[in-house]
Amino acid sequence: MTFFAVLFALVIEQFRALSHDNPVHEMVRGLARRSVRAFDAGSRHDAIFAWCAVVLPLVLGAWIIDAILASAGFALSFLWNVLLLYLTLGFRQFSHYFTDIHDALNRDDLIAARALLREWTGLDTVDMPVREVCRHTLEHAIIAVHRHVFGVFFWFLLPIGPAGVVLYRVAEYLARHWSVSAPEHSPVLGEFAARAFYVLDWVPARLTSIGFAIVGNFEDAIYAWRNHVRRWDDAVNGILLASGGGALGVRLGIPPAEPDVQMVLSNDFGTDFDAEPAPEVQPLEFTQEPTPRTLQSAVGLVWRAVVLWMVLLAMLSLAVWLG
């Protein structure tokens, strides 16, 4: 059932993508606002209560409904799984930006590409050169495809199934929404949400990076994973972007100003994690800059990774069925 639920959800999402202003997403946003007003008083305990007040009702609701429908019959449980996957998968929620930017660059319409990138990411794209437009587009696409597709796959495969995908996607939304400085919530709330999502995304991010390496340039992806992660402040995103760039054979991220000095990645609470001593020898650089052609290569990389996951999922489902 797992394989076919994922397949059906992907097919439905390709034909009719879920809009950003749908009632389900609006419910999550409203619940987050109410939780901030009710619990956020600036302390870590308050941040934990606020986070749990959003996540736990949705996760428990998904789990209880799944259990009830599973006891009622296979068909109802299958439809519930497809529905939750459709609500949490988001291939088309970001792919149209990527496609439109790629098309604009192919038409040599840099102004349109900059405008689309600004609308998608909120970056200041005024006077941004083509290579930087391509780089930011690739980086945002790699992160988006992980959080909207591969991370959801991982949590759906766990025994908690539908509740897992709800947990992952809601935690991702809270980390992204509360990390933005705003007078409506305290900085501690954003710090805890980011830390919670870091824990939930630790294993999925590494599996996604391994998938990129398998379907892309394996040696370059692993090399970049080991040596170029320090270009990003976010440890998890650094792994994804380093391996993704290596798999494509292009340079992503901004070279460190002082590469010979040890750089430490730290979380928002001031403790070090995912940090390794800086290498004594300066890592080799990928000389190829991202180009519009690289964007097309990235599409192939993502689809090969999706096929890899689906094949593994089909083999797992077959093994469970035969067993």
Protein backbone atom coordinates (compact mmCIF):
# COMPACT_ATOMS: atom_id res chain seq x y z
CA MET A 1 0.00 0.00 0.00
CA THR A 2 2.87 2.39 0.79
CA PHE A 3 4.30 2.36 -2.73
CA PHE A 4 0.96 2.90 -4.44
CA ALA A 5 -0.08 5.61 -1.97
CA VAL A 6 3.09 7.58 -2.80
CA LEU A 7 2.68 6.94 -6.53
CA PHE A 8 -0.94 8.08 -6.57
CA ALA A 9 -0.15 11.20 -4.54
CA LEU A 10 2.71 12.15 -6.88
CA VAL A 11 0.54 11.68 -9.97
CA ILE A 12 -2.35 13.69 -8.53
CA GLU A 13 0.03 16.46 -7.43
CA GLN A 14 1.50 16.67 -10.92
CA PHE A 15 -1.93 17.24 -12.45
CA ARG A 16 -3.33 19.52 -9.74
CA ALA A 17 -0.86 21.16 -7.39
CA LEU A 18 -2.01 22.31 -3.98
CA SER A 19 -2.24 26.09 -3.75
CA HIS A 20 -0.57 28.02 -0.94
CA ASP A 21 -3.86 29.49 0.25
CA ASN A 22 -5.65 26.16 0.70
CA PRO A 23 -7.78 25.62 3.85
CA VAL A 24 -5.42 23.05 5.39
CA HIS A 25 -2.36 25.29 5.23
CA GLU A 26 -4.44 28.21 6.49
CA MET A 27 -5.52 26.06 9.46
CA VAL A 28 -1.88 25.37 10.35
CA ARG A 29 -1.01 29.06 10.04
CA GLY A 30 -3.95 30.03 12.24
CA LEU A 31 -3.03 27.42 14.85
CA ALA A 32 0.53 28.76 14.89
CA ARG A 33 -0.70 32.33 15.44
CA ARG A 34 -2.99 31.29 18.29
CA SER A 35 -0.21 29.27 19.90
CA VAL A 36 2.14 32.27 19.85
CA ARG A 37 -0.48 34.48 21.49
CA ALA A 38 -1.29 31.87 24.14
CA PHE A 39 2.15 30.53 25.13
CA ASP A 40 5.02 32.64 23.84
CA ALA A 41 6.38 34.61 26.77
CA GLY A 42 10.06 34.54 25.83
CA SER A 43 11.33 31.53 27.78
CA ARG A 44 12.40 28.15 26.46
CA HIS A 45 9.64 26.31 28.34
CA ASP A 46 7.08 28.60 26.74
CA ALA A 47 8.63 27.90 23.33
CA ILE A 48 8.28 24.16 23.91
CA PHE A 49 4.63 24.54 24.90
CA ALA A 50 3.92 26.75 21.88
CA TRP A 51 5.58 24.27 19.48
CA CYS A 52 3.78 21.28 20.99
CA ALA A 53 0.44 23.11 20.92
CA VAL A 54 0.71 23.27 17.13
CA VAL A 55 2.36 19.94 16.36
CA LEU A 56 0.78 17.46 18.77
CA PRO A 57 -2.93 18.01 17.93
CA LEU A 58 -2.26 17.65 14.21
CA VAL A 59 -0.02 14.60 14.59
CA LEU A 60 -2.35 12.85 17.02
CA GLY A 61 -5.34 13.69 14.85
CA ALA A 62 -3.67 12.17 11.78
CA TRP A 63 -2.70 9.04 13.74
CA ILE A 64 -6.16 8.55 15.31
CA ILE A 65 -7.99 9.00 12.01
CA ASP A 66 -5.60 6.56 10.32
CA ALA A 67 -6.17 3.97 13.04
CA ILE A 68 -9.95 4.32 12.80
CA LEU A 69 -9.99 4.08 9.02
CA ALA A 70 -7.57 1.14 9.03
CA SER A 71 -9.94 -0.78 11.29
CA ALA A 72 -12.85 0.11 9.00
CA GLY A 73 -11.22 -1.19 5.84
CA PHE A 74 -8.18 -1.12 3.56
CA ALA A 75 -9.72 1.23 0.98
CA LEU A 76 -10.46 4.02 3.48
CA SER A 77 -7.00 3.80 5.02
CA PHE A 78 -5.41 3.90 1.55
CA LEU A 79 -7.38 7.00 0.58
CA TRP A 80 -6.40 8.70 3.83
CA ASN A 81 -2.73 7.98 3.14
CA VAL A 82 -3.01 9.39 -0.38
CA LEU A 83 -4.77 12.50 0.92
CA LEU A 84 -2.14 13.24 3.57
CA LEU A 85 0.67 12.67 1.09
CA TYR A 86 -1.02 14.98 -1.37
CA LEU A 87 -1.28 17.66 1.33
CA THR A 88 2.35 17.28 2.44
CA LEU A 89 4.14 16.62 -0.85
CA GLY A 90 4.85 19.80 -2.74
CA PHE A 91 6.66 19.08 -5.98
CA ARG A 92 4.61 21.57 -7.94
CA GLN A 93 4.42 24.17 -5.16
CA PHE A 94 7.93 25.37 -6.03
CA SER A 95 8.75 23.74 -9.38
CA HIS A 96 6.86 26.38 -11.38
CA TYR A 97 9.25 29.05 -10.08
CA PHE A 98 12.22 26.92 -11.08
CA THR A 99 10.76 26.22 -14.52
CA ASP A 100 9.83 29.85 -15.15
CA ILE A 101 13.30 31.08 -14.12
CA HIS A 102 14.91 28.49 -16.37
CA ASP A 103 12.71 29.51 -19.31
CA ALA A 104 13.45 33.20 -18.72
CA LEU A 105 17.19 32.56 -18.71
CA ASN A 106 16.92 30.51 -21.89
CA ARG A 107 15.22 33.53 -23.49
CA ASP A 108 18.02 35.77 -22.18
CA ASP A 109 15.38 37.64 -20.16
CA LEU A 110 17.49 38.30 -17.08
CA ILE A 111 15.09 40.92 -15.72
CA ALA A 112 12.22 38.42 -15.62
CA ALA A 113 14.45 35.78 -14.05
CA ARG A 114 15.52 38.20 -11.32
CA ALA A 115 11.91 39.16 -10.61
CA LEU A 116 10.83 35.52 -10.34
CA LEU A 117 13.74 34.67 -8.05
CA ARG A 118 12.91 37.65 -5.81
CA GLU A 119 9.25 36.59 -5.65
CA TRP A 120 10.25 33.02 -4.77
CA THR A 121 13.02 33.63 -2.26
CA GLY A 122 12.69 37.25 -1.13
CA LEU A 123 16.32 37.93 -2.06
CA ASP A 124 17.50 41.26 -3.35
CA THR A 125 18.13 40.40 -7.00
CA VAL A 126 18.80 43.91 -8.34
CA ASP A 127 21.85 43.79 -10.63
CA MET A 128 22.35 40.10 -9.80
CA PRO A 129 24.44 38.45 -12.56
CA VAL A 130 23.30 35.34 -14.40
CA ARG A 131 25.62 32.99 -12.52
CA GLU A 132 24.25 34.21 -9.17
CA VAL A 133 20.65 33.84 -10.37
CA CYS A 134 21.46 30.26 -11.39
CA ARG A 135 23.24 29.57 -8.10
CA HIS A 136 20.45 30.83 -5.87
CA THR A 137 17.85 29.04 -8.00
CA LEU A 138 19.73 25.76 -7.68
CA GLU A 139 20.26 26.15 -3.94
CA HIS A 140 16.62 26.91 -3.21
CA ALA A 141 15.45 24.11 -5.50
CA ILE A 142 17.68 21.52 -3.81
CA ILE A 143 16.43 22.48 -0.34
CA ALA A 144 12.80 22.61 -1.52
CA VAL A 145 12.86 19.22 -3.24
CA HIS A 146 14.28 17.64 -0.10
CA ARG A 147 11.77 19.18 2.29
CA HIS A 148 8.76 18.73 0.00
CA VAL A 149 9.57 15.29 -1.40
CA PHE A 150 12.41 13.20 0.00
CA GLY A 151 11.96 14.18 3.63
CA VAL A 152 8.27 13.33 3.35
CA PHE A 153 9.16 9.94 1.80
CA PHE A 154 11.37 9.09 4.76
CA TRP A 155 8.82 9.92 7.43
CA PHE A 156 6.06 8.12 5.56
CA LEU A 157 8.12 4.93 5.58
CA LEU A 158 8.35 4.92 9.36
CA PRO A 159 5.81 2.89 11.39
CA ILE A 160 3.88 6.06 12.33
CA GLY A 161 3.29 6.64 8.59
CA PRO A 162 0.75 9.43 8.01
CA ALA A 163 1.41 10.95 11.42
CA GLY A 164 5.10 11.10 10.51
CA VAL A 165 4.60 13.18 7.38
CA VAL A 166 2.38 15.60 9.33
CA LEU A 167 5.03 15.89 12.05
CA TYR A 168 7.78 16.57 9.52
CA ARG A 169 5.96 19.13 7.39
CA VAL A 170 4.44 21.06 10.33
CA ALA A 171 7.82 21.17 12.08
CA GLU A 172 9.39 22.44 8.85
CA TYR A 173 6.78 25.17 8.55
CA LEU A 174 7.26 26.31 12.16
CA ALA A 175 11.05 26.37 11.79
CA ARG A 176 10.79 28.42 8.61
CA HIS A 177 8.01 30.74 9.82
CA TRP A 178 9.25 31.38 13.36
CA SER A 179 12.89 31.81 12.37
CA VAL A 180 12.01 35.11 10.67
CA SER A 181 12.45 37.98 13.11
CA ALA A 182 9.07 39.51 13.90
CA PRO A 183 7.51 41.38 16.83
CA GLU A 184 4.75 38.76 17.02
CA HIS A 185 7.04 36.07 18.47
CA SER A 186 10.19 35.87 20.57
CA PRO A 187 13.61 34.82 19.22
CA VAL A 188 13.62 31.84 21.59
CA LEU A 189 10.58 30.43 19.81
CA GLY A 190 12.38 30.49 16.48
CA GLU A 191 15.48 28.95 18.03
CA PHE A 192 13.56 26.01 19.50
CA ALA A 193 11.59 25.41 16.30
CA ALA A 194 14.82 25.40 14.29
CA ARG A 195 16.46 22.98 16.72
CA ALA A 196 13.45 20.65 16.71
CA PHE A 197 13.38 20.51 12.93
CA TYR A 198 17.14 19.97 12.83
CA VAL A 199 16.67 16.81 14.89
CA LEU A 200 13.76 15.59 12.73
CA ASP A 201 15.67 16.30 9.52
CA TRP A 202 19.05 14.87 10.54
CA VAL A 203 18.60 11.42 8.99
CA PRO A 204 16.41 12.38 5.97
CA ALA A 205 18.90 15.05 4.84
CA ARG A 206 21.73 12.57 4.80
CA LEU A 207 19.69 9.99 2.92
CA THR A 208 18.77 12.62 0.34
CA SER A 209 22.44 13.56 -0.03
CA ILE A 210 23.36 9.90 -0.53
CA GLY A 211 20.65 9.67 -3.18
CA PHE A 212 22.09 12.69 -5.00
CA ALA A 213 25.52 11.07 -4.92
CA ILE A 214 24.23 7.75 -6.29
CA VAL A 215 22.32 9.25 -9.23
CA GLY A 216 24.86 12.02 -9.92
CA ASN A 217 28.63 12.33 -9.81
CA PHE A 218 29.33 10.11 -6.81
CA GLU A 219 32.97 11.01 -6.16
CA ASP A 220 32.45 14.75 -6.45
CA ALA A 221 29.31 14.64 -4.30
CA ILE A 222 31.06 12.80 -1.48
CA TYR A 223 34.13 15.02 -1.77
CA ALA A 224 32.03 18.18 -1.60
CA TRP A 225 30.05 16.74 1.32
CA ARG A 226 33.27 16.24 3.27
CA ASN A 227 35.01 19.49 2.38
CA HIS A 228 32.54 22.21 1.34
CA VAL A 229 29.81 21.97 4.01
CA ARG A 230 31.23 24.94 5.92
CA ARG A 231 30.07 27.38 3.26
CA TRP A 232 26.61 27.44 4.84
CA ASP A 233 25.58 28.45 8.34
CA ASP A 234 22.92 25.74 8.48
CA ALA A 235 24.54 22.33 9.00
CA VAL A 236 21.76 20.28 7.38
CA ASN A 237 21.33 22.59 4.40
CA GLY A 238 25.10 22.59 3.97
CA ILE A 239 25.13 18.82 3.51
CA LEU A 240 22.31 18.93 0.98
CA LEU A 241 23.81 21.79 -1.03
CA ALA A 242 27.36 20.48 -0.95
CA SER A 243 26.33 17.01 -2.12
CA GLY A 244 23.86 18.41 -4.65
CA GLY A 245 26.45 20.76 -6.12
CA GLY A 246 29.04 18.00 -6.19
CA ALA A 247 26.62 15.62 -7.91
CA LEU A 248 26.10 18.26 -10.60
CA GLY A 249 29.77 19.19 -10.72
CA VAL A 250 29.20 22.90 -10.05
CA ARG A 251 30.20 25.38 -7.38
CA LEU A 252 27.46 26.34 -4.94
CA GLY A 253 27.76 28.58 -1.93
CA ILE A 254 30.22 31.40 -1.27
CA PRO A 255 33.87 30.43 -0.66
CA PRO A 256 34.95 31.11 2.94
CA ALA A 257 36.91 34.31 3.43
CA GLU A 258 39.62 32.49 5.40
CA PRO A 259 39.58 28.82 4.40
CA ASP A 260 42.65 27.93 6.43
CA VAL A 261 40.99 28.89 9.71
CA GLN A 262 38.81 26.31 11.44
CA MET A 263 35.13 27.17 11.14
CA VAL A 264 32.58 25.84 13.63
CA LEU A 265 28.91 25.31 12.97
CA SER A 266 26.76 25.93 16.01
CA ASN A 267 23.10 25.67 16.68
CA ASP A 268 20.90 28.46 17.91
CA PHE A 269 21.42 27.55 21.58
CA GLY A 270 25.18 28.06 21.42
CA THR A 271 26.28 24.39 21.47
CA ASP A 272 28.37 22.90 18.70
CA PHE A 273 27.08 20.08 16.53
CA ASP A 274 27.98 18.58 13.19
CA ALA A 275 31.34 20.34 13.39
CA GLU A 276 34.60 18.79 12.22
CA PRO A 277 38.16 20.12 12.38
CA ALA A 278 39.08 22.14 9.33
CA PRO A 279 41.23 20.21 6.87
CA GLU A 280 44.90 21.09 6.81
CA VAL A 281 44.94 21.18 3.01
CA GLN A 282 42.73 23.66 1.17
CA PRO A 283 39.91 21.70 -0.57
CA LEU A 284 39.90 21.77 -4.32
CA GLU A 285 37.25 23.96 -5.91
CA PHE A 286 34.80 22.96 -8.59
CA THR A 287 35.68 25.29 -11.42
CA GLN A 288 32.33 25.19 -13.21
CA GLU A 289 29.90 27.97 -12.31
CA PRO A 290 26.13 27.27 -12.44
CA THR A 291 24.59 28.13 -15.80
CA PRO A 292 21.10 27.80 -17.31
CA ARG A 293 22.28 24.46 -18.67
CA THR A 294 23.01 23.35 -15.12
CA LEU A 295 19.38 24.01 -14.21
CA GLN A 296 18.33 21.48 -16.84
CA SER A 297 20.84 18.99 -15.44
CA ALA A 298 19.37 19.55 -11.99
CA VAL A 299 15.92 18.51 -13.26
CA GLY A 300 17.38 15.21 -14.43
CA LEU A 301 19.19 14.72 -11.13
CA VAL A 302 16.01 15.23 -9.12
CA TRP A 303 13.92 12.88 -11.25
CA ARG A 304 16.60 10.18 -11.10
CA ALA A 305 16.62 10.54 -7.33
CA VAL A 306 12.81 10.24 -7.25
CA VAL A 307 13.00 7.08 -9.38
CA LEU A 308 15.67 5.69 -7.03
CA TRP A 309 13.44 6.27 -4.00
CA MET A 310 10.43 4.78 -5.76
CA VAL A 311 12.38 1.66 -6.77
CA LEU A 312 13.60 1.18 -3.21
CA LEU A 313 10.08 1.75 -1.94
CA ALA A 314 8.68 -0.80 -4.40
CA MET A 315 11.27 -3.38 -3.31
CA LEU A 316 10.48 -2.75 0.35
CA SER A 317 6.74 -3.04 -0.27
CA LEU A 318 7.25 -6.27 -2.22
CA ALA A 319 9.40 -7.71 0.55
CA VAL A 320 6.76 -6.87 3.16
CA TRP A 321 4.00 -8.34 0.97
CA LEU A 322 5.91 -11.59 0.32
CA GLY A 323 6.87 -11.86 3.96
